[in-house]
N, C-alpha and C. Protein backbone atom coordinates (compact mmCIF):
# COMPACT_ATOMS: atom_id res chain seq x y z
N MET A 1 -29.72 -17.67 -16.54
CA MET A 1 -30.21 -17.12 -17.78
C MET A 1 -29.42 -15.84 -18.08
N ALA A 2 -29.04 -15.69 -19.30
CA ALA A 2 -28.28 -14.52 -19.72
C ALA A 2 -29.15 -13.27 -19.66
N PRO A 3 -28.56 -12.11 -19.35
CA PRO A 3 -29.35 -10.89 -19.26
C PRO A 3 -30.01 -10.51 -20.58
N PHE A 4 -29.36 -10.81 -21.69
CA PHE A 4 -29.90 -10.51 -23.01
C PHE A 4 -29.84 -11.77 -23.86
N PRO A 5 -30.82 -12.66 -23.75
CA PRO A 5 -30.76 -13.92 -24.48
C PRO A 5 -30.81 -13.74 -26.00
N PHE A 6 -31.28 -12.62 -26.47
CA PHE A 6 -31.37 -12.39 -27.90
C PHE A 6 -30.05 -11.90 -28.49
N CYS A 7 -29.10 -11.56 -27.65
CA CYS A 7 -27.81 -11.04 -28.10
C CYS A 7 -26.79 -12.17 -28.13
N ARG A 8 -26.19 -12.42 -29.26
CA ARG A 8 -25.23 -13.52 -29.41
C ARG A 8 -23.79 -13.03 -29.52
N ILE A 9 -23.52 -11.82 -29.10
CA ILE A 9 -22.19 -11.24 -29.21
C ILE A 9 -21.42 -11.47 -27.91
N THR A 10 -20.18 -11.90 -28.04
CA THR A 10 -19.29 -12.05 -26.89
C THR A 10 -18.11 -11.12 -27.09
N LEU A 11 -17.91 -10.23 -26.14
CA LEU A 11 -16.80 -9.28 -26.21
C LEU A 11 -15.60 -9.85 -25.47
N LYS A 12 -14.45 -9.79 -26.11
CA LYS A 12 -13.22 -10.27 -25.49
C LYS A 12 -12.13 -9.24 -25.69
N ALA A 13 -11.44 -8.89 -24.61
CA ALA A 13 -10.34 -7.93 -24.70
C ALA A 13 -9.49 -8.07 -23.44
N GLU A 14 -8.22 -7.70 -23.57
CA GLU A 14 -7.36 -7.70 -22.40
C GLU A 14 -7.63 -6.45 -21.57
N LYS A 15 -7.45 -6.58 -20.26
CA LYS A 15 -7.61 -5.43 -19.39
C LYS A 15 -6.46 -4.47 -19.59
N PRO A 16 -6.74 -3.20 -19.72
CA PRO A 16 -5.63 -2.25 -19.89
C PRO A 16 -4.91 -2.01 -18.57
N LEU A 17 -3.63 -1.75 -18.65
CA LEU A 17 -2.87 -1.41 -17.45
C LEU A 17 -2.93 0.08 -17.18
N LYS A 18 -3.61 0.82 -18.05
CA LYS A 18 -3.76 2.26 -17.86
C LYS A 18 -5.22 2.64 -18.04
N ASP A 19 -5.65 3.62 -17.29
CA ASP A 19 -6.98 4.15 -17.53
C ASP A 19 -6.81 5.51 -18.22
N ARG A 20 -7.90 6.12 -18.62
CA ARG A 20 -7.78 7.34 -19.40
C ARG A 20 -7.50 8.59 -18.57
N PHE A 21 -7.58 8.49 -17.24
CA PHE A 21 -7.38 9.66 -16.40
C PHE A 21 -6.00 9.72 -15.76
N SER A 22 -5.35 8.59 -15.64
CA SER A 22 -4.03 8.58 -15.01
C SER A 22 -3.07 7.74 -15.84
N LYS A 23 -1.82 7.79 -15.47
CA LYS A 23 -0.82 7.06 -16.24
C LYS A 23 -0.87 5.57 -15.98
N SER A 24 -1.32 5.14 -14.81
CA SER A 24 -1.41 3.71 -14.54
C SER A 24 -2.54 3.46 -13.54
N LEU A 25 -2.87 2.19 -13.37
CA LEU A 25 -3.95 1.83 -12.46
C LEU A 25 -3.49 1.77 -11.00
N TYR A 26 -2.21 1.85 -10.76
CA TYR A 26 -1.72 1.86 -9.39
C TYR A 26 -0.78 3.02 -9.19
N ARG A 27 -0.66 3.42 -7.96
CA ARG A 27 0.15 4.58 -7.62
C ARG A 27 1.63 4.27 -7.74
N ARG A 28 2.39 5.26 -8.18
CA ARG A 28 3.84 5.08 -8.25
C ARG A 28 4.45 5.10 -6.85
N GLN A 29 3.95 5.98 -6.01
CA GLN A 29 4.43 6.06 -4.64
C GLN A 29 3.50 5.21 -3.78
N LEU A 30 4.05 4.18 -3.16
CA LEU A 30 3.24 3.27 -2.37
C LEU A 30 3.06 3.84 -0.97
N ARG A 31 1.85 4.28 -0.67
CA ARG A 31 1.57 4.92 0.61
C ARG A 31 1.00 3.95 1.63
N THR A 32 0.24 2.96 1.16
CA THR A 32 -0.43 2.03 2.08
C THR A 32 -0.11 0.61 1.68
N ILE A 33 -0.44 -0.32 2.55
CA ILE A 33 -0.25 -1.73 2.21
C ILE A 33 -1.16 -2.12 1.06
N GLY A 34 -2.32 -1.48 0.96
CA GLY A 34 -3.22 -1.74 -0.16
C GLY A 34 -2.60 -1.37 -1.49
N ASP A 35 -1.86 -0.24 -1.52
CA ASP A 35 -1.15 0.16 -2.73
C ASP A 35 -0.12 -0.90 -3.12
N SER A 36 0.61 -1.39 -2.12
CA SER A 36 1.63 -2.41 -2.39
C SER A 36 1.01 -3.70 -2.90
N LEU A 37 -0.09 -4.11 -2.29
CA LEU A 37 -0.76 -5.34 -2.71
C LEU A 37 -1.29 -5.22 -4.14
N LYS A 38 -1.91 -4.10 -4.44
CA LYS A 38 -2.48 -3.92 -5.78
C LYS A 38 -1.38 -3.89 -6.83
N ARG A 39 -0.30 -3.19 -6.55
CA ARG A 39 0.78 -3.09 -7.52
C ARG A 39 1.39 -4.47 -7.79
N GLU A 40 1.69 -5.20 -6.75
CA GLU A 40 2.29 -6.54 -6.92
C GLU A 40 1.32 -7.48 -7.62
N ARG A 41 0.05 -7.41 -7.25
CA ARG A 41 -0.96 -8.29 -7.87
C ARG A 41 -1.08 -8.00 -9.36
N LEU A 42 -1.12 -6.72 -9.74
CA LEU A 42 -1.23 -6.37 -11.15
C LEU A 42 0.03 -6.73 -11.93
N GLN A 43 1.18 -6.57 -11.32
CA GLN A 43 2.43 -6.93 -12.00
C GLN A 43 2.51 -8.43 -12.26
N LEU A 44 1.93 -9.22 -11.35
CA LEU A 44 1.92 -10.68 -11.53
C LEU A 44 0.76 -11.15 -12.40
N GLY A 45 -0.14 -10.22 -12.74
CA GLY A 45 -1.29 -10.59 -13.57
C GLY A 45 -2.33 -11.40 -12.81
N MET A 46 -2.39 -11.23 -11.50
CA MET A 46 -3.33 -11.97 -10.67
C MET A 46 -4.64 -11.22 -10.53
N THR A 47 -5.70 -11.96 -10.30
CA THR A 47 -6.98 -11.35 -9.97
C THR A 47 -7.09 -11.19 -8.46
N GLN A 48 -8.05 -10.40 -8.04
CA GLN A 48 -8.29 -10.26 -6.61
C GLN A 48 -8.73 -11.60 -6.02
N LEU A 49 -9.47 -12.38 -6.80
CA LEU A 49 -9.91 -13.70 -6.34
C LEU A 49 -8.72 -14.62 -6.09
N ALA A 50 -7.75 -14.63 -6.99
CA ALA A 50 -6.57 -15.48 -6.83
C ALA A 50 -5.78 -15.09 -5.58
N LEU A 51 -5.63 -13.79 -5.36
CA LEU A 51 -4.92 -13.33 -4.17
C LEU A 51 -5.70 -13.68 -2.91
N ALA A 52 -7.01 -13.51 -2.96
CA ALA A 52 -7.85 -13.84 -1.80
C ALA A 52 -7.72 -15.32 -1.44
N GLU A 53 -7.69 -16.18 -2.45
CA GLU A 53 -7.52 -17.62 -2.18
C GLU A 53 -6.15 -17.92 -1.61
N GLN A 54 -5.13 -17.21 -2.08
CA GLN A 54 -3.77 -17.42 -1.59
C GLN A 54 -3.63 -16.99 -0.13
N VAL A 55 -4.30 -15.90 0.23
CA VAL A 55 -4.19 -15.37 1.60
C VAL A 55 -5.27 -15.98 2.50
N ASN A 56 -6.25 -16.64 1.89
CA ASN A 56 -7.35 -17.29 2.61
C ASN A 56 -8.29 -16.26 3.25
N VAL A 57 -8.70 -15.28 2.42
CA VAL A 57 -9.69 -14.29 2.83
C VAL A 57 -10.72 -14.17 1.71
N ARG A 58 -11.76 -13.37 1.93
CA ARG A 58 -12.76 -13.13 0.91
C ARG A 58 -12.28 -12.04 -0.06
N VAL A 59 -12.84 -12.05 -1.26
CA VAL A 59 -12.47 -11.06 -2.27
C VAL A 59 -12.77 -9.65 -1.75
N GLU A 60 -13.86 -9.49 -1.04
CA GLU A 60 -14.22 -8.17 -0.49
C GLU A 60 -13.14 -7.64 0.45
N THR A 61 -12.48 -8.55 1.15
CA THR A 61 -11.41 -8.15 2.05
C THR A 61 -10.24 -7.57 1.26
N ILE A 62 -9.88 -8.23 0.16
CA ILE A 62 -8.81 -7.72 -0.70
C ILE A 62 -9.20 -6.35 -1.25
N GLN A 63 -10.44 -6.20 -1.69
CA GLN A 63 -10.91 -4.92 -2.20
C GLN A 63 -10.81 -3.84 -1.14
N ASN A 64 -11.20 -4.16 0.09
CA ASN A 64 -11.12 -3.18 1.18
C ASN A 64 -9.68 -2.79 1.47
N TRP A 65 -8.76 -3.75 1.43
CA TRP A 65 -7.35 -3.44 1.66
C TRP A 65 -6.81 -2.55 0.55
N GLU A 66 -7.14 -2.89 -0.71
CA GLU A 66 -6.61 -2.12 -1.83
C GLU A 66 -7.17 -0.71 -1.91
N HIS A 67 -8.37 -0.50 -1.42
CA HIS A 67 -8.97 0.84 -1.43
C HIS A 67 -8.81 1.56 -0.09
N SER A 68 -7.98 1.01 0.78
CA SER A 68 -7.66 1.60 2.09
C SER A 68 -8.88 1.82 2.96
N ARG A 69 -9.86 0.94 2.84
CA ARG A 69 -11.02 1.00 3.73
C ARG A 69 -10.73 0.29 5.04
N SER A 70 -9.77 -0.63 5.01
CA SER A 70 -9.35 -1.33 6.21
C SER A 70 -7.91 -1.78 6.01
N ILE A 71 -7.28 -2.22 7.10
CA ILE A 71 -5.92 -2.74 7.01
C ILE A 71 -5.95 -4.20 7.44
N PRO A 72 -5.00 -4.99 6.98
CA PRO A 72 -4.99 -6.42 7.32
C PRO A 72 -4.75 -6.65 8.80
N ALA A 73 -5.41 -7.68 9.31
CA ALA A 73 -5.17 -8.09 10.69
C ALA A 73 -3.79 -8.74 10.78
N VAL A 74 -3.24 -8.78 11.97
CA VAL A 74 -1.90 -9.31 12.20
C VAL A 74 -1.78 -10.76 11.74
N CYS A 75 -2.84 -11.53 11.85
CA CYS A 75 -2.77 -12.94 11.48
C CYS A 75 -2.53 -13.15 9.98
N TYR A 76 -2.80 -12.15 9.15
CA TYR A 76 -2.58 -12.27 7.70
C TYR A 76 -1.21 -11.77 7.26
N LEU A 77 -0.48 -11.13 8.15
CA LEU A 77 0.80 -10.53 7.77
C LEU A 77 1.83 -11.52 7.23
N PRO A 78 1.99 -12.72 7.82
CA PRO A 78 2.98 -13.64 7.26
C PRO A 78 2.71 -13.99 5.79
N LYS A 79 1.46 -14.22 5.44
CA LYS A 79 1.13 -14.55 4.05
C LYS A 79 1.32 -13.33 3.14
N LEU A 80 1.01 -12.14 3.64
CA LEU A 80 1.19 -10.93 2.84
C LEU A 80 2.66 -10.61 2.63
N VAL A 81 3.48 -10.84 3.65
CA VAL A 81 4.92 -10.63 3.53
C VAL A 81 5.50 -11.60 2.50
N ASP A 82 5.03 -12.86 2.53
CA ASP A 82 5.47 -13.85 1.53
C ASP A 82 5.06 -13.42 0.13
N PHE A 83 3.85 -12.90 -0.02
CA PHE A 83 3.36 -12.48 -1.32
C PHE A 83 4.15 -11.29 -1.85
N LEU A 84 4.36 -10.29 -0.99
CA LEU A 84 5.05 -9.06 -1.40
C LEU A 84 6.56 -9.24 -1.52
N GLY A 85 7.11 -10.14 -0.70
CA GLY A 85 8.56 -10.32 -0.69
C GLY A 85 9.28 -9.40 0.28
N TYR A 86 8.52 -8.59 1.01
CA TYR A 86 9.09 -7.71 2.02
C TYR A 86 8.00 -7.35 3.02
N ASP A 87 8.41 -6.82 4.16
CA ASP A 87 7.46 -6.40 5.20
C ASP A 87 7.08 -4.94 4.95
N PRO A 88 5.85 -4.67 4.54
CA PRO A 88 5.47 -3.29 4.24
C PRO A 88 5.38 -2.39 5.46
N PHE A 89 5.36 -2.97 6.66
CA PHE A 89 5.27 -2.16 7.88
C PHE A 89 6.64 -1.86 8.47
N GLU A 90 7.68 -2.48 7.93
CA GLU A 90 9.02 -2.24 8.44
C GLU A 90 9.54 -0.92 7.89
N PRO A 91 10.04 -0.05 8.76
CA PRO A 91 10.55 1.23 8.26
C PRO A 91 11.77 1.01 7.36
N ARG A 92 11.80 1.77 6.29
CA ARG A 92 12.90 1.67 5.35
C ARG A 92 13.74 2.93 5.44
N PRO A 93 15.05 2.80 5.23
CA PRO A 93 15.89 4.00 5.26
C PRO A 93 15.59 4.91 4.07
N ILE A 94 15.71 6.18 4.30
CA ILE A 94 15.51 7.16 3.23
C ILE A 94 16.90 7.61 2.77
N TYR A 95 17.14 7.44 1.49
CA TYR A 95 18.44 7.81 0.95
C TYR A 95 18.33 9.20 0.33
N VAL A 96 19.26 10.07 0.73
CA VAL A 96 19.27 11.44 0.19
C VAL A 96 20.50 11.55 -0.70
N LEU A 97 20.28 12.03 -1.88
CA LEU A 97 21.36 12.20 -2.83
C LEU A 97 22.15 13.45 -2.48
N ASN A 98 23.44 13.32 -2.31
CA ASN A 98 24.29 14.45 -1.98
C ASN A 98 24.68 15.15 -3.27
N THR A 99 24.17 16.35 -3.47
CA THR A 99 24.45 17.10 -4.69
C THR A 99 25.38 18.29 -4.47
N SER A 100 25.97 18.38 -3.28
CA SER A 100 26.80 19.54 -2.96
C SER A 100 28.20 19.41 -3.57
N ASP A 101 28.60 18.23 -4.03
CA ASP A 101 29.96 18.06 -4.61
C ASP A 101 30.03 18.52 -6.02
């Protein structure tokens, strides 16, 4: 049963990629695997449910990863690496721009 059976209005709108307090819904600097997952998921236009089905976990697990409440277990890493296209736990070289010339 609908919460308001007397109301016949249906609201439809696209989700914004920006909220009113920050420039985007995801961080520019990816600090955690949750940041990486959320950014990639939003860029692909996926829902948390779609990602959860792809990785074979519950939606709450994806939410916990994205909000840094927990980190993925090792058994999920192969699917997450496939989804992201890179290993988020692998150290990356830091490039420093030489401005002394």
